[in-house]
Amino acid sequence: MSFALTLMSITIIFLSPLAGSLLDRYGVRHILIPSILCFGLVFPSLSLMTDSLLHYYAMYMLIALAGVCTTPASYSRVIVAWFNHH
């Protein structure tokens, strides 16, 4: 189980710079809302998992892929932009 969390963390580490550049290029609203919806669809799909270990690892990597843009950095950008606007 801990190797799946390790894979998820490594996936997030490698995809975070890409997520940051997407947030800078397209704006937080255009990236964060679809990412939340995608994460909301992927997470419940864990209930459909088979007993295959590779499927288990793949699902955790898919969760990381879907949720990389829902990290606290995205939300803090929203808060900072709101603070600067007001």
PDB file of N, CA and C in Angstrom:
ATOM      1  N   MET A   1       0.823  -1.192   0.000  1.00  0.00           N
ATOM      2  CA  MET A   1       0.000   0.000   0.000  1.00  0.00           C
ATOM      3  C   MET A   1       0.862   1.249   0.000  1.00  0.00           C
ATOM      4  N   SER A   2       1.960   1.227   0.714  1.00  0.00           N
ATOM      5  CA  SER A   2       2.776   2.435   0.754  1.00  0.00           C
ATOM      6  C   SER A   2       3.495   2.689  -0.563  1.00  0.00           C
ATOM      7  N   PHE A   3       3.739   1.649  -1.358  1.00  0.00           N
ATOM      8  CA  PHE A   3       4.348   1.887  -2.664  1.00  0.00           C
ATOM      9  C   PHE A   3       3.378   2.633  -3.584  1.00  0.00           C
ATOM     10  N   ALA A   4       2.098   2.383  -3.447  1.00  0.00           N
ATOM     11  CA  ALA A   4       1.108   3.114  -4.242  1.00  0.00           C
ATOM     12  C   ALA A   4       1.124   4.596  -3.875  1.00  0.00           C
ATOM     13  N   LEU A   5       1.246   4.897  -2.603  1.00  0.00           N
ATOM     14  CA  LEU A   5       1.333   6.297  -2.184  1.00  0.00           C
ATOM     15  C   LEU A   5       2.634   6.927  -2.658  1.00  0.00           C
ATOM     16  N   THR A   6       3.705   6.134  -2.696  1.00  0.00           N
ATOM     17  CA  THR A   6       4.970   6.628  -3.225  1.00  0.00           C
ATOM     18  C   THR A   6       4.841   6.951  -4.706  1.00  0.00           C
ATOM     19  N   LEU A   7       4.211   6.062  -5.469  1.00  0.00           N
ATOM     20  CA  LEU A   7       3.983   6.328  -6.892  1.00  0.00           C
ATOM     21  C   LEU A   7       3.132   7.581  -7.094  1.00  0.00           C
ATOM     22  N   MET A   8       2.130   7.751  -6.249  1.00  0.00           N
ATOM     23  CA  MET A   8       1.276   8.919  -6.350  1.00  0.00           C
ATOM     24  C   MET A   8       2.081  10.195  -6.065  1.00  0.00           C
ATOM     25  N   SER A   9       2.926  10.155  -5.050  1.00  0.00           N
ATOM     26  CA  SER A   9       3.739  11.325  -4.722  1.00  0.00           C
ATOM     27  C   SER A   9       4.738  11.641  -5.823  1.00  0.00           C
ATOM     28  N   ILE A  10       5.361  10.620  -6.394  1.00  0.00           N
ATOM     29  CA  ILE A  10       6.320  10.839  -7.475  1.00  0.00           C
ATOM     30  C   ILE A  10       5.610  11.417  -8.697  1.00  0.00           C
ATOM     31  N   THR A  11       4.421  10.931  -8.991  1.00  0.00           N
ATOM     32  CA  THR A  11       3.653  11.459 -10.120  1.00  0.00           C
ATOM     33  C   THR A  11       3.324  12.930  -9.897  1.00  0.00           C
ATOM     34  N   ILE A  12       2.935  13.280  -8.694  1.00  0.00           N
ATOM     35  CA  ILE A  12       2.617  14.680  -8.386  1.00  0.00           C
ATOM     36  C   ILE A  12       3.867  15.547  -8.485  1.00  0.00           C
ATOM     37  N   ILE A  13       5.002  15.028  -8.018  1.00  0.00           N
ATOM     38  CA  ILE A  13       6.248  15.797  -8.084  1.00  0.00           C
ATOM     39  C   ILE A  13       6.601  16.131  -9.530  1.00  0.00           C
ATOM     40  N   PHE A  14       6.485  15.143 -10.422  1.00  0.00           N
ATOM     41  CA  PHE A  14       6.864  15.378 -11.808  1.00  0.00           C
ATOM     42  C   PHE A  14       5.830  16.192 -12.586  1.00  0.00           C
ATOM     43  N   LEU A  15       4.580  16.143 -12.189  1.00  0.00           N
ATOM     44  CA  LEU A  15       3.542  16.866 -12.927  1.00  0.00           C
ATOM     45  C   LEU A  15       3.257  18.260 -12.370  1.00  0.00           C
ATOM     46  N   SER A  16       3.745  18.575 -11.182  1.00  0.00           N
ATOM     47  CA  SER A  16       3.470  19.886 -10.584  1.00  0.00           C
ATOM     48  C   SER A  16       4.005  21.052 -11.413  1.00  0.00           C
ATOM     49  N   PRO A  17       5.219  20.974 -11.966  1.00  0.00           N
ATOM     50  CA  PRO A  17       5.651  22.097 -12.823  1.00  0.00           C
ATOM     51  C   PRO A  17       4.747  22.291 -14.042  1.00  0.00           C
ATOM     52  N   LEU A  18       4.289  21.204 -14.620  1.00  0.00           N
ATOM     53  CA  LEU A  18       3.360  21.307 -15.748  1.00  0.00           C
ATOM     54  C   LEU A  18       2.042  21.934 -15.302  1.00  0.00           C
ATOM     55  N   ALA A  19       1.561  21.529 -14.155  1.00  0.00           N
ATOM     56  CA  ALA A  19       0.314  22.109 -13.637  1.00  0.00           C
ATOM     57  C   ALA A  19       0.486  23.593 -13.368  1.00  0.00           C
ATOM     58  N   GLY A  20       1.631  23.982 -12.826  1.00  0.00           N
ATOM     59  CA  GLY A  20       1.887  25.397 -12.575  1.00  0.00           C
ATOM     60  C   GLY A  20       1.922  26.218 -13.848  1.00  0.00           C
ATOM     61  N   SER A  21       2.537  25.661 -14.886  1.00  0.00           N
ATOM     62  CA  SER A  21       2.576  26.407 -16.143  1.00  0.00           C
ATOM     63  C   SER A  21       1.191  26.488 -16.786  1.00  0.00           C
ATOM     64  N   LEU A  22       0.390  25.430 -16.643  1.00  0.00           N
ATOM     65  CA  LEU A  22      -0.986  25.490 -17.142  1.00  0.00           C
ATOM     66  C   LEU A  22      -1.798  26.535 -16.391  1.00  0.00           C
ATOM     67  N   LEU A  23      -1.604  26.618 -15.074  1.00  0.00           N
ATOM     68  CA  LEU A  23      -2.315  27.617 -14.284  1.00  0.00           C
ATOM     69  C   LEU A  23      -1.899  29.030 -14.680  1.00  0.00           C
ATOM     70  N   ASP A  24      -0.613  29.216 -14.958  1.00  0.00           N
ATOM     71  CA  ASP A  24      -0.143  30.539 -15.385  1.00  0.00           C
ATOM     72  C   ASP A  24      -0.668  30.897 -16.768  1.00  0.00           C
ATOM     73  N   ARG A  25      -0.688  29.937 -17.655  1.00  0.00           N
ATOM     74  CA  ARG A  25      -1.060  30.216 -19.043  1.00  0.00           C
ATOM     75  C   ARG A  25      -2.562  30.413 -19.218  1.00  0.00           C
ATOM     76  N   TYR A  26      -3.369  29.522 -18.635  1.00  0.00           N
ATOM     77  CA  TYR A  26      -4.808  29.543 -18.901  1.00  0.00           C
ATOM     78  C   TYR A  26      -5.647  30.110 -17.763  1.00  0.00           C
ATOM     79  N   GLY A  27      -5.055  30.355 -16.620  1.00  0.00           N
ATOM     80  CA  GLY A  27      -5.795  30.879 -15.486  1.00  0.00           C
ATOM     81  C   GLY A  27      -6.313  29.770 -14.590  1.00  0.00           C
ATOM     82  N   VAL A  28      -6.523  30.120 -13.351  1.00  0.00           N
ATOM     83  CA  VAL A  28      -6.905  29.125 -12.345  1.00  0.00           C
ATOM     84  C   VAL A  28      -8.291  28.558 -12.612  1.00  0.00           C
ATOM     85  N   ARG A  29      -9.224  29.395 -12.989  1.00  0.00           N
ATOM     86  CA  ARG A  29     -10.602  28.936 -13.184  1.00  0.00           C
ATOM     87  C   ARG A  29     -10.701  27.887 -14.288  1.00  0.00           C
ATOM     88  N   HIS A  30      -9.970  28.086 -15.372  1.00  0.00           N
ATOM     89  CA  HIS A  30     -10.055  27.167 -16.504  1.00  0.00           C
ATOM     90  C   HIS A  30      -9.357  25.833 -16.247  1.00  0.00           C
ATOM     91  N   ILE A  31      -8.488  25.776 -15.272  1.00  0.00           N
ATOM     92  CA  ILE A  31      -7.765  24.544 -14.966  1.00  0.00           C
ATOM     93  C   ILE A  31      -8.318  23.876 -13.714  1.00  0.00           C
ATOM     94  N   LEU A  32      -8.633  24.662 -12.699  1.00  0.00           N
ATOM     95  CA  LEU A  32      -9.042  24.100 -11.413  1.00  0.00           C
ATOM     96  C   LEU A  32     -10.411  23.434 -11.470  1.00  0.00           C
ATOM     97  N   ILE A  33     -11.375  24.041 -12.107  1.00  0.00           N
ATOM     98  CA  ILE A  33     -12.728  23.467 -12.145  1.00  0.00           C
ATOM     99  C   ILE A  33     -12.766  22.130 -12.891  1.00  0.00           C
ATOM    100  N   PRO A  34     -12.178  22.009 -14.084  1.00  0.00           N
ATOM    101  CA  PRO A  34     -12.161  20.678 -14.714  1.00  0.00           C
ATOM    102  C   PRO A  34     -11.353  19.648 -13.925  1.00  0.00           C
ATOM    103  N   SER A  35     -10.308  20.115 -13.262  1.00  0.00           N
ATOM    104  CA  SER A  35      -9.504  19.189 -12.463  1.00  0.00           C
ATOM    105  C   SER A  35     -10.289  18.658 -11.267  1.00  0.00           C
ATOM    106  N   ILE A  36     -11.075  19.521 -10.655  1.00  0.00           N
ATOM    107  CA  ILE A  36     -11.918  19.075  -9.530  1.00  0.00           C
ATOM    108  C   ILE A  36     -12.942  18.065 -10.016  1.00  0.00           C
ATOM    109  N   LEU A  37     -13.559  18.338 -11.162  1.00  0.00           N
ATOM    110  CA  LEU A  37     -14.545  17.404 -11.710  1.00  0.00           C
ATOM    111  C   LEU A  37     -13.905  16.071 -12.080  1.00  0.00           C
ATOM    112  N   CYS A  38     -12.743  16.115 -12.682  1.00  0.00           N
ATOM    113  CA  CYS A  38     -12.037  14.892 -13.066  1.00  0.00           C
ATOM    114  C   CYS A  38     -11.630  14.094 -11.827  1.00  0.00           C
ATOM    115  N   PHE A  39     -11.130  14.772 -10.817  1.00  0.00           N
ATOM    116  CA  PHE A  39     -10.758  14.108  -9.574  1.00  0.00           C
ATOM    117  C   PHE A  39     -11.986  13.506  -8.908  1.00  0.00           C
ATOM    118  N   GLY A  40     -13.100  14.220  -8.981  1.00  0.00           N
ATOM    119  CA  GLY A  40     -14.343  13.707  -8.415  1.00  0.00           C
ATOM    120  C   GLY A  40     -14.864  12.472  -9.119  1.00  0.00           C
ATOM    121  N   LEU A  41     -14.508  12.282 -10.369  1.00  0.00           N
ATOM    122  CA  LEU A  41     -14.903  11.081 -11.100  1.00  0.00           C
ATOM    123  C   LEU A  41     -13.930   9.926 -10.892  1.00  0.00           C
ATOM    124  N   VAL A  42     -12.651  10.246 -10.761  1.00  0.00           N
ATOM    125  CA  VAL A  42     -11.638   9.202 -10.621  1.00  0.00           C
ATOM    126  C   VAL A  42     -11.655   8.588  -9.221  1.00  0.00           C
ATOM    127  N   PHE A  43     -11.809   9.409  -8.209  1.00  0.00           N
ATOM    128  CA  PHE A  43     -11.735   8.893  -6.841  1.00  0.00           C
ATOM    129  C   PHE A  43     -12.802   7.838  -6.541  1.00  0.00           C
ATOM    130  N   PRO A  44     -14.074   8.040  -6.905  1.00  0.00           N
ATOM    131  CA  PRO A  44     -15.059   6.980  -6.651  1.00  0.00           C
ATOM    132  C   PRO A  44     -14.832   5.722  -7.484  1.00  0.00           C
ATOM    133  N   SER A  45     -14.074   5.842  -8.573  1.00  0.00           N
ATOM    134  CA  SER A  45     -13.810   4.651  -9.374  1.00  0.00           C
ATOM    135  C   SER A  45     -12.917   3.649  -8.661  1.00  0.00           C
ATOM    136  N   LEU A  46     -12.374   4.022  -7.520  1.00  0.00           N
ATOM    137  CA  LEU A  46     -11.614   3.060  -6.710  1.00  0.00           C
ATOM    138  C   LEU A  46     -12.494   1.894  -6.278  1.00  0.00           C
ATOM    139  N   SER A  47     -13.778   2.120  -6.179  1.00  0.00           N
ATOM    140  CA  SER A  47     -14.686   1.042  -5.780  1.00  0.00           C
ATOM    141  C   SER A  47     -14.824  -0.022  -6.864  1.00  0.00           C
ATOM    142  N   LEU A  48     -14.420   0.298  -8.086  1.00  0.00           N
ATOM    143  CA  LEU A  48     -14.514  -0.650  -9.195  1.00  0.00           C
ATOM    144  C   LEU A  48     -13.213  -1.409  -9.435  1.00  0.00           C
ATOM    145  N   MET A  49     -12.264  -1.257  -8.530  1.00  0.00           N
ATOM    146  CA  MET A  49     -10.964  -1.871  -8.714  1.00  0.00           C
ATOM    147  C   MET A  49     -11.018  -3.384  -8.622  1.00  0.00           C
ATOM    148  N   THR A  50     -10.170  -4.017  -9.410  1.00  0.00           N
ATOM    149  CA  THR A  50     -10.030  -5.471  -9.337  1.00  0.00           C
ATOM    150  C   THR A  50      -8.966  -5.803  -8.290  1.00  0.00           C
ATOM    151  N   ASP A  51      -8.661  -7.075  -8.146  1.00  0.00           N
ATOM    152  CA  ASP A  51      -7.667  -7.458  -7.151  1.00  0.00           C
ATOM    153  C   ASP A  51      -6.245  -7.494  -7.718  1.00  0.00           C
ATOM    154  N   SER A  52      -6.045  -6.919  -8.879  1.00  0.00           N
ATOM    155  CA  SER A  52      -4.733  -6.849  -9.500  1.00  0.00           C
ATOM    156  C   SER A  52      -3.895  -5.750  -8.855  1.00  0.00           C
ATOM    157  N   LEU A  53      -2.661  -6.068  -8.551  1.00  0.00           N
ATOM    158  CA  LEU A  53      -1.770  -5.096  -7.939  1.00  0.00           C
ATOM    159  C   LEU A  53      -1.421  -3.977  -8.914  1.00  0.00           C
ATOM    160  N   LEU A  54      -1.250  -4.306 -10.172  1.00  0.00           N
ATOM    161  CA  LEU A  54      -0.962  -3.282 -11.173  1.00  0.00           C
ATOM    162  C   LEU A  54      -2.135  -2.323 -11.346  1.00  0.00           C
ATOM    163  N   HIS A  55      -3.337  -2.850 -11.254  1.00  0.00           N
ATOM    164  CA  HIS A  55      -4.525  -1.997 -11.327  1.00  0.00           C
ATOM    165  C   HIS A  55      -4.560  -1.042 -10.137  1.00  0.00           C
ATOM    166  N   TYR A  56      -4.177  -1.526  -8.986  1.00  0.00           N
ATOM    167  CA  TYR A  56      -4.118  -0.704  -7.772  1.00  0.00           C
ATOM    168  C   TYR A  56      -3.122   0.441  -7.964  1.00  0.00           C
ATOM    169  N   TYR A  57      -1.927   0.130  -8.459  1.00  0.00           N
ATOM    170  CA  TYR A  57      -0.917   1.162  -8.690  1.00  0.00           C
ATOM    171  C   TYR A  57      -1.372   2.147  -9.759  1.00  0.00           C
ATOM    172  N   ALA A  58      -1.971   1.638 -10.818  1.00  0.00           N
ATOM    173  CA  ALA A  58      -2.441   2.512 -11.895  1.00  0.00           C
ATOM    174  C   ALA A  58      -3.529   3.463 -11.415  1.00  0.00           C
ATOM    175  N   MET A  59      -4.403   2.987 -10.556  1.00  0.00           N
ATOM    176  CA  MET A  59      -5.471   3.849 -10.042  1.00  0.00           C
ATOM    177  C   MET A  59      -4.901   4.985  -9.195  1.00  0.00           C
ATOM    178  N   TYR A  60      -3.901   4.694  -8.397  1.00  0.00           N
ATOM    179  CA  TYR A  60      -3.310   5.746  -7.582  1.00  0.00           C
ATOM    180  C   TYR A  60      -2.547   6.752  -8.437  1.00  0.00           C
ATOM    181  N   MET A  61      -1.934   6.288  -9.500  1.00  0.00           N
ATOM    182  CA  MET A  61      -1.278   7.231 -10.413  1.00  0.00           C
ATOM    183  C   MET A  61      -2.318   8.064 -11.165  1.00  0.00           C
ATOM    184  N   LEU A  62      -3.450   7.481 -11.479  1.00  0.00           N
ATOM    185  CA  LEU A  62      -4.532   8.210 -12.130  1.00  0.00           C
ATOM    186  C   LEU A  62      -5.126   9.255 -11.190  1.00  0.00           C
ATOM    187  N   ILE A  63      -5.221   8.919  -9.914  1.00  0.00           N
ATOM    188  CA  ILE A  63      -5.689   9.901  -8.926  1.00  0.00           C
ATOM    189  C   ILE A  63      -4.724  11.082  -8.869  1.00  0.00           C
ATOM    190  N   ALA A  64      -3.434  10.794  -8.895  1.00  0.00           N
ATOM    191  CA  ALA A  64      -2.445  11.875  -8.882  1.00  0.00           C
ATOM    192  C   ALA A  64      -2.536  12.714 -10.149  1.00  0.00           C
ATOM    193  N   LEU A  65      -2.731  12.064 -11.276  1.00  0.00           N
ATOM    194  CA  LEU A  65      -2.853  12.784 -12.540  1.00  0.00           C
ATOM    195  C   LEU A  65      -4.080  13.685 -12.550  1.00  0.00           C
ATOM    196  N   ALA A  66      -5.184  13.178 -12.045  1.00  0.00           N
ATOM    197  CA  ALA A  66      -6.425  13.967 -12.022  1.00  0.00           C
ATOM    198  C   ALA A  66      -6.381  15.070 -10.978  1.00  0.00           C
ATOM    199  N   GLY A  67      -5.655  14.849  -9.895  1.00  0.00           N
ATOM    200  CA  GLY A  67      -5.683  15.806  -8.800  1.00  0.00           C
ATOM    201  C   GLY A  67      -4.479  16.703  -8.672  1.00  0.00           C
ATOM    202  N   VAL A  68      -3.563  16.661  -9.647  1.00  0.00           N
ATOM    203  CA  VAL A  68      -2.360  17.470  -9.524  1.00  0.00           C
ATOM    204  C   VAL A  68      -2.666  18.963  -9.543  1.00  0.00           C
ATOM    205  N   CYS A  69      -3.719  19.361 -10.205  1.00  0.00           N
ATOM    206  CA  CYS A  69      -4.082  20.781 -10.238  1.00  0.00           C
ATOM    207  C   CYS A  69      -4.965  21.192  -9.075  1.00  0.00           C
ATOM    208  N   THR A  70      -5.299  20.261  -8.202  1.00  0.00           N
ATOM    209  CA  THR A  70      -6.114  20.601  -7.031  1.00  0.00           C
ATOM    210  C   THR A  70      -5.265  20.689  -5.774  1.00  0.00           C
ATOM    211  N   THR A  71      -3.976  20.900  -5.941  1.00  0.00           N
ATOM    212  CA  THR A  71      -3.096  21.054  -4.788  1.00  0.00           C
ATOM    213  C   THR A  71      -3.316  22.421  -4.150  1.00  0.00           C
ATOM    214  N   PRO A  72      -2.830  22.618  -2.943  1.00  0.00           N
ATOM    215  CA  PRO A  72      -3.030  23.910  -2.278  1.00  0.00           C
ATOM    216  C   PRO A  72      -2.477  25.110  -3.036  1.00  0.00           C
ATOM    217  N   ALA A  73      -1.515  24.900  -3.910  1.00  0.00           N
ATOM    218  CA  ALA A  73      -0.971  26.024  -4.687  1.00  0.00           C
ATOM    219  C   ALA A  73      -2.054  26.661  -5.559  1.00  0.00           C
ATOM    220  N   SER A  74      -2.934  25.852  -6.112  1.00  0.00           N
ATOM    221  CA  SER A  74      -4.013  26.384  -6.949  1.00  0.00           C
ATOM    222  C   SER A  74      -4.978  27.227  -6.134  1.00  0.00           C
ATOM    223  N   TYR A  75      -5.344  26.736  -4.982  1.00  0.00           N
ATOM    224  CA  TYR A  75      -6.284  27.472  -4.135  1.00  0.00           C
ATOM    225  C   TYR A  75      -5.654  28.732  -3.566  1.00  0.00           C
ATOM    226  N   SER A  76      -4.361  28.683  -3.267  1.00  0.00           N
ATOM    227  CA  SER A  76      -3.716  29.878  -2.740  1.00  0.00           C
ATOM    228  C   SER A  76      -3.625  30.962  -3.814  1.00  0.00           C
ATOM    229  N   ARG A  77      -3.513  30.553  -5.077  1.00  0.00           N
ATOM    230  CA  ARG A  77      -3.528  31.550  -6.155  1.00  0.00           C
ATOM    231  C   ARG A  77      -4.874  32.248  -6.230  1.00  0.00           C
ATOM    232  N   VAL A  78      -5.948  31.510  -5.989  1.00  0.00           N
ATOM    233  CA  VAL A  78      -7.289  32.108  -5.987  1.00  0.00           C
ATOM    234  C   VAL A  78      -7.409  33.109  -4.845  1.00  0.00           C
ATOM    235  N   ILE A  79      -6.935  32.735  -3.680  1.00  0.00           N
ATOM    236  CA  ILE A  79      -7.027  33.610  -2.502  1.00  0.00           C
ATOM    237  C   ILE A  79      -6.180  34.863  -2.687  1.00  0.00           C
ATOM    238  N   VAL A  80      -4.965  34.711  -3.208  1.00  0.00           N
ATOM    239  CA  VAL A  80      -4.096  35.863  -3.436  1.00  0.00           C
ATOM    240  C   VAL A  80      -4.703  36.799  -4.486  1.00  0.00           C
ATOM    241  N   ALA A  81      -5.263  36.251  -5.542  1.00  0.00           N
ATOM    242  CA  ALA A  81      -5.895  37.086  -6.563  1.00  0.00           C
ATOM    243  C   ALA A  81      -7.109  37.820  -6.001  1.00  0.00           C
ATOM    244  N   TRP A  82      -7.888  37.145  -5.173  1.00  0.00           N
ATOM    245  CA  TRP A  82      -9.050  37.801  -4.558  1.00  0.00           C
ATOM    246  C   TRP A  82      -8.590  38.916  -3.623  1.00  0.00           C
ATOM    247  N   PHE A  83      -7.516  38.642  -2.847  1.00  0.00           N
ATOM    248  CA  PHE A  83      -7.009  39.643  -1.921  1.00  0.00           C
ATOM    249  C   PHE A  83      -6.484  40.858  -2.677  1.00  0.00           C
ATOM    250  N   ASN A  84      -5.751  40.637  -3.752  1.00  0.00           N
ATOM    251  CA  ASN A  84      -5.223  41.747  -4.540  1.00  0.00           C
ATOM    252  C   ASN A  84      -6.343  42.541  -5.211  1.00  0.00           C
ATOM    253  N   HIS A  85      -7.388  41.855  -5.602  1.00  0.00           N
ATOM    254  CA  HIS A  85      -8.514  42.541  -6.268  1.00  0.00           C
ATOM    255  C   HIS A  85      -9.292  43.413  -5.297  1.00  0.00           C
ATOM    256  N   HIS A  86      -9.443  42.955  -4.074  1.00  0.00           N
ATOM    257  CA  HIS A  86     -10.213  43.705  -3.094  1.00  0.00           C
ATOM    258  C   HIS A  86      -9.312  44.516  -2.200  1.00  0.00           C
TER     259      HIS A  86
END
